[in-house]
């Protein structure tokens, strides 16, 4: 029969194991963007044509007829963004950039202008990457308003899309987003490029998850990501995909403020 000391050791180990598993699950949840929020798929938006939609750029792409996929980048601009823009220009691929304010928009304003000038969709990833579901309403509003104002000052128009940090959102975030004219965009493909500098691994992860109407999440501030982009683009084009911005993916429908799309 095991001694009391042995029983206590086993119990302590079990609690520690359970705690580790719980922490790992929480981290995975945070990084995957699994919020439990009701989300709308691109195809459902396209089924409801909007009457006031703006003309989309990069050609007349109809994602009801062709196999579309959206390339999106979070947390820029960064020191790697100029090279990324060069690649996208060479490949004639539009992207959607969810930009951070503090230390990013304020540090690289010329890259924000270039993104807009070259036809990419400029959107918000908040000012300081605070987890919105942990904040009060006024703090949420400030996190969303500050990048809007700065982006509008730089490119002449306010963002209509935002991506909540870690994909964390709730009813309060929806309500404030609706008030500010922002739709929330999550993702369906993640390379978890914050975990690795291996460009080949990033490429494999994206290709393994990609499907029609996919929204690919990458981060141009990590060293391994931008070198992976040419291979991702070439491989998906070979599979018959057409790259579009998020608004193009939804057209002739339109994202509605306060709604969540994936």
C-alpha atoms as a PDB file:
ATOM      1  CA  UNK A   1       0.000   0.000   0.000  1.00  0.00           C
ATOM      2  CA  UNK A   2       1.460   3.422  -0.880  1.00  0.00           C
ATOM      3  CA  UNK A   3       2.309   5.735   1.998  1.00  0.00           C
ATOM      4  CA  UNK A   4       0.511   9.036   2.680  1.00  0.00           C
ATOM      5  CA  UNK A   5       3.581  10.871   1.404  1.00  0.00           C
ATOM      6  CA  UNK A   6       3.479   8.926  -1.861  1.00  0.00           C
ATOM      7  CA  UNK A   7      -0.247   9.663  -2.244  1.00  0.00           C
ATOM      8  CA  UNK A   8       0.373  13.374  -1.683  1.00  0.00           C
ATOM      9  CA  UNK A   9       3.166  13.365  -4.276  1.00  0.00           C
ATOM     10  CA  UNK A  10       0.898  11.678  -6.827  1.00  0.00           C
ATOM     11  CA  UNK A  11      -1.929  14.113  -6.089  1.00  0.00           C
ATOM     12  CA  UNK A  12       0.396  17.093  -6.429  1.00  0.00           C
ATOM     13  CA  UNK A  13       1.721  15.764  -9.725  1.00  0.00           C
ATOM     14  CA  UNK A  14      -1.819  15.281 -11.012  1.00  0.00           C
ATOM     15  CA  UNK A  15      -2.778  18.843 -10.087  1.00  0.00           C
ATOM     16  CA  UNK A  16       0.364  20.218 -11.726  1.00  0.00           C
ATOM     17  CA  UNK A  17      -0.306  18.175 -14.877  1.00  0.00           C
ATOM     18  CA  UNK A  18      -3.895  19.361 -14.980  1.00  0.00           C
ATOM     19  CA  UNK A  19      -2.760  22.933 -14.484  1.00  0.00           C
ATOM     20  CA  UNK A  20      -0.228  22.634 -17.289  1.00  0.00           C
ATOM     21  CA  UNK A  21      -2.831  21.170 -19.636  1.00  0.00           C
ATOM     22  CA  UNK A  22      -5.292  23.928 -18.749  1.00  0.00           C
ATOM     23  CA  UNK A  23      -2.686  26.617 -19.364  1.00  0.00           C
ATOM     24  CA  UNK A  24      -1.715  25.044 -22.691  1.00  0.00           C
ATOM     25  CA  UNK A  25      -5.356  24.857 -23.741  1.00  0.00           C
ATOM     26  CA  UNK A  26      -5.884  28.509 -22.796  1.00  0.00           C
ATOM     27  CA  UNK A  27      -2.852  29.578 -24.800  1.00  0.00           C
ATOM     28  CA  UNK A  28      -3.948  27.537 -27.808  1.00  0.00           C
ATOM     29  CA  UNK A  29      -7.404  29.088 -27.577  1.00  0.00           C
ATOM     30  CA  UNK A  30      -5.959  32.583 -27.447  1.00  0.00           C
ATOM     31  CA  UNK A  31      -3.650  32.067 -30.417  1.00  0.00           C
ATOM     32  CA  UNK A  32      -6.179  30.266 -32.583  1.00  0.00           C
ATOM     33  CA  UNK A  33      -8.831  32.953 -32.378  1.00  0.00           C
ATOM     34  CA  UNK A  34     -11.478  30.498 -31.170  1.00  0.00           C
ATOM     35  CA  UNK A  35     -13.756  32.967 -29.464  1.00  0.00           C
ATOM     36  CA  UNK A  36     -17.087  31.224 -29.697  1.00  0.00           C
ATOM     37  CA  UNK A  37     -18.446  34.249 -31.569  1.00  0.00           C
ATOM     38  CA  UNK A  38     -20.996  33.711 -34.312  1.00  0.00           C
ATOM     39  CA  UNK A  39     -19.156  34.223 -37.596  1.00  0.00           C
ATOM     40  CA  UNK A  40     -20.320  34.682 -41.170  1.00  0.00           C
ATOM     41  CA  UNK A  41     -18.616  32.934 -44.077  1.00  0.00           C
ATOM     42  CA  UNK A  42     -17.657  34.849 -47.247  1.00  0.00           C
ATOM     43  CA  UNK A  43     -20.064  32.826 -49.416  1.00  0.00           C
ATOM     44  CA  UNK A  44     -22.986  33.860 -47.200  1.00  0.00           C
ATOM     45  CA  UNK A  45     -22.067  37.528 -47.640  1.00  0.00           C
ATOM     46  CA  UNK A  46     -21.790  37.177 -51.415  1.00  0.00           C
ATOM     47  CA  UNK A  47     -25.321  35.765 -51.482  1.00  0.00           C
ATOM     48  CA  UNK A  48     -26.618  39.133 -50.233  1.00  0.00           C
ATOM     49  CA  UNK A  49     -25.462  41.745 -52.807  1.00  0.00           C
ATOM     50  CA  UNK A  50     -25.004  45.245 -51.409  1.00  0.00           C
ATOM     51  CA  UNK A  51     -26.372  48.259 -53.259  1.00  0.00           C
ATOM     52  CA  UNK A  52     -23.698  50.706 -52.099  1.00  0.00           C
ATOM     53  CA  UNK A  53     -20.535  48.639 -52.575  1.00  0.00           C
ATOM     54  CA  UNK A  54     -17.511  50.488 -53.937  1.00  0.00           C
ATOM     55  CA  UNK A  55     -15.758  49.340 -57.094  1.00  0.00           C
ATOM     56  CA  UNK A  56     -13.069  46.851 -56.146  1.00  0.00           C
ATOM     57  CA  UNK A  57      -9.526  47.215 -57.372  1.00  0.00           C
ATOM     58  CA  UNK A  58      -7.043  44.737 -58.916  1.00  0.00           C
ATOM     59  CA  UNK A  59      -9.487  43.850 -61.665  1.00  0.00           C
ATOM     60  CA  UNK A  60     -13.053  42.642 -61.693  1.00  0.00           C
ATOM     61  CA  UNK A  61     -12.741  39.450 -59.659  1.00  0.00           C
ATOM     62  CA  UNK A  62     -16.009  37.620 -59.032  1.00  0.00           C
ATOM     63  CA  UNK A  63     -15.468  35.133 -56.213  1.00  0.00           C
ATOM     64  CA  UNK A  64     -18.813  33.517 -57.012  1.00  0.00           C
ATOM     65  CA  UNK A  65     -17.224  32.263 -60.223  1.00  0.00           C
ATOM     66  CA  UNK A  66     -13.548  31.756 -59.372  1.00  0.00           C
ATOM     67  CA  UNK A  67     -11.687  30.112 -56.490  1.00  0.00           C
ATOM     68  CA  UNK A  68     -10.654  33.046 -54.286  1.00  0.00           C
ATOM     69  CA  UNK A  69      -8.400  33.273 -51.262  1.00  0.00           C
ATOM     70  CA  UNK A  70      -7.371  36.288 -49.159  1.00  0.00           C
ATOM     71  CA  UNK A  71      -3.849  36.939 -47.932  1.00  0.00           C
ATOM     72  CA  UNK A  72      -3.834  39.003 -44.728  1.00  0.00           C
ATOM     73  CA  UNK A  73      -0.998  40.335 -42.593  1.00  0.00           C
ATOM     74  CA  UNK A  74      -1.208  41.408 -38.953  1.00  0.00           C
ATOM     75  CA  UNK A  75       0.850  43.660 -36.708  1.00  0.00           C
ATOM     76  CA  UNK A  76       2.732  45.734 -39.290  1.00  0.00           C
ATOM     77  CA  UNK A  77       4.118  47.822 -40.729  1.00  0.00           C
ATOM     78  CA  UNK A  78       7.567  46.543 -39.833  1.00  0.00           C
ATOM     79  CA  UNK A  79      11.106  46.511 -41.153  1.00  0.00           C
ATOM     80  CA  UNK A  80      10.072  43.638 -43.449  1.00  0.00           C
ATOM     81  CA  UNK A  81       7.027  45.333 -44.982  1.00  0.00           C
ATOM     82  CA  UNK A  82       8.821  47.120 -47.820  1.00  0.00           C
ATOM     83  CA  UNK A  83      10.179  43.804 -49.099  1.00  0.00           C
ATOM     84  CA  UNK A  84       6.733  42.247 -48.752  1.00  0.00           C
ATOM     85  CA  UNK A  85       5.188  45.059 -50.800  1.00  0.00           C
ATOM     86  CA  UNK A  86       7.837  44.526 -53.468  1.00  0.00           C
ATOM     87  CA  UNK A  87       6.885  40.832 -53.656  1.00  0.00           C
ATOM     88  CA  UNK A  88       3.156  41.553 -53.834  1.00  0.00           C
ATOM     89  CA  UNK A  89       3.721  44.135 -56.575  1.00  0.00           C
ATOM     90  CA  UNK A  90       5.860  41.736 -58.598  1.00  0.00           C
ATOM     91  CA  UNK A  91       3.299  38.937 -58.221  1.00  0.00           C
ATOM     92  CA  UNK A  92       0.325  41.284 -58.773  1.00  0.00           C
ATOM     93  CA  UNK A  93      -1.313  40.060 -55.578  1.00  0.00           C
ATOM     94  CA  UNK A  94      -3.485  42.285 -53.369  1.00  0.00           C
ATOM     95  CA  UNK A  95      -3.459  41.796 -49.599  1.00  0.00           C
ATOM     96  CA  UNK A  96      -5.261  43.069 -46.538  1.00  0.00           C
ATOM     97  CA  UNK A  97      -3.082  44.655 -43.856  1.00  0.00           C
ATOM     98  CA  UNK A  98      -4.358  44.798 -40.265  1.00  0.00           C
ATOM     99  CA  UNK A  99      -2.026  47.434 -38.863  1.00  0.00           C
ATOM    100  CA  UNK A 100      -0.914  48.208 -35.325  1.00  0.00           C
ATOM    101  CA  UNK A 101      -0.667  51.811 -34.217  1.00  0.00           C
ATOM    102  CA  UNK A 102       1.925  52.098 -31.483  1.00  0.00           C
ATOM    103  CA  UNK A 103       5.499  51.480 -32.695  1.00  0.00           C
ATOM    104  CA  UNK A 104       4.206  50.485 -36.149  1.00  0.00           C
ATOM    105  CA  UNK A 105       1.935  52.984 -37.949  1.00  0.00           C
ATOM    106  CA  UNK A 106       3.635  55.806 -36.092  1.00  0.00           C
ATOM    107  CA  UNK A 107       7.097  54.448 -37.010  1.00  0.00           C
ATOM    108  CA  UNK A 108       6.468  53.608 -40.691  1.00  0.00           C
ATOM    109  CA  UNK A 109       3.875  56.088 -42.015  1.00  0.00           C
ATOM    110  CA  UNK A 110       5.353  55.966 -45.524  1.00  0.00           C
ATOM    111  CA  UNK A 111       4.640  52.224 -45.707  1.00  0.00           C
ATOM    112  CA  UNK A 112       0.997  52.771 -44.730  1.00  0.00           C
ATOM    113  CA  UNK A 113       0.693  55.237 -47.600  1.00  0.00           C
ATOM    114  CA  UNK A 114       2.404  52.808 -49.957  1.00  0.00           C
ATOM    115  CA  UNK A 115       0.026  49.988 -49.002  1.00  0.00           C
ATOM    116  CA  UNK A 116      -2.949  52.159 -49.881  1.00  0.00           C
ATOM    117  CA  UNK A 117      -1.363  53.598 -53.032  1.00  0.00           C
ATOM    118  CA  UNK A 118      -0.607  50.107 -54.363  1.00  0.00           C
ATOM    119  CA  UNK A 119      -4.197  48.939 -53.955  1.00  0.00           C
ATOM    120  CA  UNK A 120      -4.057  46.921 -50.761  1.00  0.00           C
ATOM    121  CA  UNK A 121      -6.774  47.076 -48.113  1.00  0.00           C
ATOM    122  CA  UNK A 122      -5.610  48.978 -45.028  1.00  0.00           C
ATOM    123  CA  UNK A 123      -7.357  47.873 -41.843  1.00  0.00           C
ATOM    124  CA  UNK A 124      -6.862  48.030 -38.073  1.00  0.00           C
ATOM    125  CA  UNK A 125      -5.338  45.641 -35.558  1.00  0.00           C
ATOM    126  CA  UNK A 126      -5.857  48.128 -32.683  1.00  0.00           C
ATOM    127  CA  UNK A 127      -3.417  50.669 -31.307  1.00  0.00           C
ATOM    128  CA  UNK A 128      -1.404  48.654 -28.779  1.00  0.00           C
ATOM    129  CA  UNK A 129      -2.496  45.017 -29.263  1.00  0.00           C
ATOM    130  CA  UNK A 130      -4.387  44.915 -25.983  1.00  0.00           C
ATOM    131  CA  UNK A 131      -6.810  42.014 -25.595  1.00  0.00           C
ATOM    132  CA  UNK A 132     -10.107  43.816 -26.089  1.00  0.00           C
ATOM    133  CA  UNK A 133     -12.188  41.407 -24.013  1.00  0.00           C
ATOM    134  CA  UNK A 134     -10.164  42.358 -20.917  1.00  0.00           C
ATOM    135  CA  UNK A 135     -10.841  46.092 -21.289  1.00  0.00           C
ATOM    136  CA  UNK A 136     -13.653  48.422 -20.323  1.00  0.00           C
ATOM    137  CA  UNK A 137     -15.769  50.088 -23.034  1.00  0.00           C
ATOM    138  CA  UNK A 138     -13.800  53.349 -23.074  1.00  0.00           C
ATOM    139  CA  UNK A 139     -10.480  51.514 -23.348  1.00  0.00           C
ATOM    140  CA  UNK A 140     -11.848  49.393 -26.204  1.00  0.00           C
ATOM    141  CA  UNK A 141     -13.039  52.528 -27.955  1.00  0.00           C
ATOM    142  CA  UNK A 142      -9.619  54.149 -27.611  1.00  0.00           C
ATOM    143  CA  UNK A 143      -7.827  51.031 -28.925  1.00  0.00           C
ATOM    144  CA  UNK A 144     -10.039  51.128 -32.017  1.00  0.00           C
ATOM    145  CA  UNK A 145     -10.331  54.883 -32.557  1.00  0.00           C
ATOM    146  CA  UNK A 146      -6.639  55.814 -32.416  1.00  0.00           C
ATOM    147  CA  UNK A 147      -5.497  53.698 -35.388  1.00  0.00           C
ATOM    148  CA  UNK A 148      -8.597  54.756 -37.338  1.00  0.00           C
ATOM    149  CA  UNK A 149      -7.716  58.399 -36.909  1.00  0.00           C
ATOM    150  CA  UNK A 150      -4.047  57.889 -37.759  1.00  0.00           C
ATOM    151  CA  UNK A 151      -4.784  55.786 -40.833  1.00  0.00           C
ATOM    152  CA  UNK A 152      -7.322  58.328 -42.069  1.00  0.00           C
ATOM    153  CA  UNK A 153      -4.761  61.104 -41.618  1.00  0.00           C
ATOM    154  CA  UNK A 154      -2.234  59.151 -43.697  1.00  0.00           C
ATOM    155  CA  UNK A 155      -4.376  57.775 -46.534  1.00  0.00           C
ATOM    156  CA  UNK A 156      -7.505  59.932 -46.497  1.00  0.00           C
ATOM    157  CA  UNK A 157     -10.021  57.265 -45.490  1.00  0.00           C
ATOM    158  CA  UNK A 158     -10.917  55.410 -42.322  1.00  0.00           C
ATOM    159  CA  UNK A 159     -10.658  51.627 -42.050  1.00  0.00           C
ATOM    160  CA  UNK A 160     -13.878  49.648 -42.228  1.00  0.00           C
ATOM    161  CA  UNK A 161     -12.303  46.366 -41.073  1.00  0.00           C
ATOM    162  CA  UNK A 162     -10.497  45.413 -37.889  1.00  0.00           C
ATOM    163  CA  UNK A 163      -8.995  42.243 -36.466  1.00  0.00           C
ATOM    164  CA  UNK A 164      -9.146  41.857 -32.677  1.00  0.00           C
ATOM    165  CA  UNK A 165      -5.832  40.768 -31.117  1.00  0.00           C
ATOM    166  CA  UNK A 166      -5.703  36.970 -30.712  1.00  0.00           C
ATOM    167  CA  UNK A 167      -9.168  36.881 -32.292  1.00  0.00           C
ATOM    168  CA  UNK A 168     -10.671  37.678 -28.882  1.00  0.00           C
ATOM    169  CA  UNK A 169     -14.038  39.374 -29.128  1.00  0.00           C
ATOM    170  CA  UNK A 170     -17.381  39.561 -27.360  1.00  0.00           C
ATOM    171  CA  UNK A 171     -20.694  41.437 -27.372  1.00  0.00           C
ATOM    172  CA  UNK A 172     -19.143  44.638 -26.019  1.00  0.00           C
ATOM    173  CA  UNK A 173     -16.499  44.624 -28.753  1.00  0.00           C
ATOM    174  CA  UNK A 174     -19.215  43.995 -31.360  1.00  0.00           C
ATOM    175  CA  UNK A 175     -21.281  46.919 -30.108  1.00  0.00           C
ATOM    176  CA  UNK A 176     -18.382  49.389 -30.078  1.00  0.00           C
ATOM    177  CA  UNK A 177     -17.197  48.165 -33.481  1.00  0.00           C
ATOM    178  CA  UNK A 178     -20.691  48.763 -34.841  1.00  0.00           C
ATOM    179  CA  UNK A 179     -20.677  52.258 -33.369  1.00  0.00           C
ATOM    180  CA  UNK A 180     -17.328  52.994 -35.068  1.00  0.00           C
ATOM    181  CA  UNK A 181     -18.302  51.483 -38.420  1.00  0.00           C
ATOM    182  CA  UNK A 182     -15.931  48.506 -38.122  1.00  0.00           C
ATOM    183  CA  UNK A 183     -16.476  44.893 -39.129  1.00  0.00           C
ATOM    184  CA  UNK A 184     -14.406  42.186 -37.420  1.00  0.00           C
ATOM    185  CA  UNK A 185     -12.390  39.785 -39.574  1.00  0.00           C
ATOM    186  CA  UNK A 186     -10.916  36.579 -38.173  1.00  0.00           C
ATOM    187  CA  UNK A 187      -9.138  33.869 -40.203  1.00  0.00           C
ATOM    188  CA  UNK A 188      -9.423  30.286 -41.397  1.00  0.00           C
ATOM    189  CA  UNK A 189      -5.729  29.570 -42.088  1.00  0.00           C
ATOM    190  CA  UNK A 190      -2.852  30.201 -39.686  1.00  0.00           C
ATOM    191  CA  UNK A 191       0.807  29.316 -40.110  1.00  0.00           C
ATOM    192  CA  UNK A 192       1.538  30.168 -36.463  1.00  0.00           C
ATOM    193  CA  UNK A 193       4.519  32.091 -37.795  1.00  0.00           C
ATOM    194  CA  UNK A 194       5.060  33.589 -34.343  1.00  0.00           C
ATOM    195  CA  UNK A 195       6.416  30.160 -33.335  1.00  0.00           C
ATOM    196  CA  UNK A 196       9.066  29.624 -36.021  1.00  0.00           C
ATOM    197  CA  UNK A 197      11.543  31.263 -38.376  1.00  0.00           C
ATOM    198  CA  UNK A 198      11.387  28.261 -40.723  1.00  0.00           C
ATOM    199  CA  UNK A 199       9.967  29.675 -43.970  1.00  0.00           C
ATOM    200  CA  UNK A 200       9.458  26.221 -45.455  1.00  0.00           C
ATOM    201  CA  UNK A 201       7.391  25.173 -42.448  1.00  0.00           C
ATOM    202  CA  UNK A 202       5.293  28.337 -42.708  1.00  0.00           C
ATOM    203  CA  UNK A 203       4.661  27.572 -46.374  1.00  0.00           C
ATOM    204  CA  UNK A 204       3.668  23.972 -45.664  1.00  0.00           C
ATOM    205  CA  UNK A 205       1.276  24.982 -42.908  1.00  0.00           C
ATOM    206  CA  UNK A 206      -0.487  27.507 -45.141  1.00  0.00           C
ATOM    207  CA  UNK A 207      -0.790  25.127 -48.081  1.00  0.00           C
ATOM    208  CA  UNK A 208      -2.097  22.299 -45.883  1.00  0.00           C
ATOM    209  CA  UNK A 209      -4.966  24.444 -44.570  1.00  0.00           C
ATOM    210  CA  UNK A 210      -5.901  26.511 -47.623  1.00  0.00           C
ATOM    211  CA  UNK A 211      -9.259  26.075 -49.335  1.00  0.00           C
ATOM    212  CA  UNK A 212     -11.712  28.193 -51.295  1.00  0.00           C
ATOM    213  CA  UNK A 213     -12.722  31.423 -49.514  1.00  0.00           C
ATOM    214  CA  UNK A 214      -9.826  30.996 -47.095  1.00  0.00           C
ATOM    215  CA  UNK A 215      -8.530  33.943 -45.080  1.00  0.00           C
ATOM    216  CA  UNK A 216      -4.822  33.405 -44.443  1.00  0.00           C
ATOM    217  CA  UNK A 217      -3.274  34.934 -41.323  1.00  0.00           C
ATOM    218  CA  UNK A 218       0.411  35.866 -41.454  1.00  0.00           C
ATOM    219  CA  UNK A 219       2.563  38.443 -39.643  1.00  0.00           C
ATOM    220  CA  UNK A 220       5.071  40.434 -41.674  1.00  0.00           C
ATOM    221  CA  UNK A 221       7.046  41.431 -38.568  1.00  0.00           C
ATOM    222  CA  UNK A 222       8.507  37.923 -38.035  1.00  0.00           C
ATOM    223  CA  UNK A 223      11.750  36.987 -39.783  1.00  0.00           C
ATOM    224  CA  UNK A 224      10.545  33.773 -41.405  1.00  0.00           C
ATOM    225  CA  UNK A 225       7.295  35.044 -42.858  1.00  0.00           C
ATOM    226  CA  UNK A 226       8.096  37.341 -45.778  1.00  0.00           C
ATOM    227  CA  UNK A 227      10.590  34.860 -47.317  1.00  0.00           C
ATOM    228  CA  UNK A 228       7.744  32.300 -47.351  1.00  0.00           C
ATOM    229  CA  UNK A 229       5.323  34.529 -49.251  1.00  0.00           C
ATOM    230  CA  UNK A 230       6.579  33.981 -52.844  1.00  0.00           C
ATOM    231  CA  UNK A 231       6.346  30.205 -52.466  1.00  0.00           C
ATOM    232  CA  UNK A 232       2.869  30.439 -50.932  1.00  0.00           C
ATOM    233  CA  UNK A 233       1.641  32.643 -53.764  1.00  0.00           C
ATOM    234  CA  UNK A 234       3.140  30.494 -56.522  1.00  0.00           C
ATOM    235  CA  UNK A 235       1.843  27.222 -55.069  1.00  0.00           C
ATOM    236  CA  UNK A 236      -1.689  28.518 -54.554  1.00  0.00           C
ATOM    237  CA  UNK A 237      -1.801  30.047 -58.026  1.00  0.00           C
ATOM    238  CA  UNK A 238      -0.796  26.656 -59.415  1.00  0.00           C
ATOM    239  CA  UNK A 239      -3.791  25.197 -57.571  1.00  0.00           C
ATOM    240  CA  UNK A 240      -6.060  27.668 -59.336  1.00  0.00           C
ATOM    241  CA  UNK A 241      -6.557  30.221 -56.582  1.00  0.00           C
ATOM    242  CA  UNK A 242      -7.074  33.916 -57.272  1.00  0.00           C
ATOM    243  CA  UNK A 243      -5.812  36.284 -54.567  1.00  0.00           C
ATOM    244  CA  UNK A 244      -8.162  39.031 -53.406  1.00  0.00           C
ATOM    245  CA  UNK A 245      -8.560  41.489 -50.555  1.00  0.00           C
ATOM    246  CA  UNK A 246     -11.136  40.741 -47.872  1.00  0.00           C
ATOM    247  CA  UNK A 247     -13.676  43.206 -49.386  1.00  0.00           C
ATOM    248  CA  UNK A 248     -13.199  41.539 -52.789  1.00  0.00           C
ATOM    249  CA  UNK A 249     -13.733  38.132 -51.162  1.00  0.00           C
ATOM    250  CA  UNK A 250     -17.118  39.302 -49.882  1.00  0.00           C
ATOM    251  CA  UNK A 251     -18.267  41.171 -53.022  1.00  0.00           C
ATOM    252  CA  UNK A 252     -20.913  41.773 -54.272  1.00  0.00           C
ATOM    253  CA  UNK A 253     -21.859  41.551 -50.606  1.00  0.00           C
ATOM    254  CA  UNK A 254     -20.372  43.861 -48.019  1.00  0.00           C
ATOM    255  CA  UNK A 255     -19.111  43.498 -44.449  1.00  0.00           C
ATOM    256  CA  UNK A 256     -21.489  45.018 -41.918  1.00  0.00           C
ATOM    257  CA  UNK A 257     -20.210  46.947 -38.872  1.00  0.00           C
ATOM    258  CA  UNK A 258     -20.317  44.920 -35.666  1.00  0.00           C
ATOM    259  CA  UNK A 259     -20.468  41.572 -37.490  1.00  0.00           C
ATOM    260  CA  UNK A 260     -17.705  38.945 -37.431  1.00  0.00           C
ATOM    261  CA  UNK A 261     -16.399  37.247 -40.575  1.00  0.00           C
ATOM    262  CA  UNK A 262     -14.241  34.150 -41.053  1.00  0.00           C
END
